[in-house]
Amino acid sequence: MKVVIADDQALVRAGLRMILESQADIEVVAEAGDGEEALAACNQYHPDVVLMDVRMPRLNGLEALRRIVGLGDSTKVLILTTFDLDEYVYEALRDGASGFLLKDVRPAQLIEAVRGVMDGDALLAPSVTKRLIEKFMRASRLPAATASLLGRLTPRESEVLKLVARGLKNSEIAETLFLSESTVKTHVVRLLSKLELRDRAQAVVLAYESGVVAAGDG
């Protein structure tokens, strides 16, 4: 899989590259020191995953994320952050990020995260992400048009959505609902399509903001 690393610190980029390129199935195709370079790299290489720092010069990570999502590629963006309760991370999840990683992540966790987001199996660091969403969740409800999309879900899809929002992987959802993992994956694909969402990270945000899952549940 092709990866772009975007961070304004060369030492951080070098460390991440060294870890990722120790794996035969991962290739770092480009490094970027700011958001403009990250966007250019995505236009050139169409990577599978971008590791994106939030605070970068010229074009920050959030705006670069929005533009990358706007390209319409299947590129997944993982936000890199120093603090696990950074309000910018929540904004990034709303704007299409597939998850986030702390910069002090262990090498094995980094590799697992990149592979995991490619497989679409789970939102990364679900316990931390849940706290972040609870802390920065907007007081206002979703627009009626968006909220009405939830009515498209079958009872089983609604059940799966709740478990996705609680951070469960497909394998854990399958065990909880006594289903096969492939059946769960099908339910996830269908509910994302019905809700007009890019990936399960956005499904988690929608589930909290719409009240499908309340802060503190599960």
Foldseek 3Di string as FASTA:
>chain_A
DEEEEEALDPVLVVVLQVLQVVDPVYDHPYYHNALVRVLVCCVVPVGQEYEAEQDGPPHGRQRSLLVSVVVVGNHAYEYEDQDLQDLVQVVSLQSHHQEYDYSVDDSVLSNCVSVCVSVLFWHPPLVSVLVNCQVNPDPDADPPVLLCLVVVADPVLLVLLQVRLSTDTLVVVCVVVVHDSVVSVVSQVVSCVSSVHSGSSNSNSNCDRNVSDDRPHD
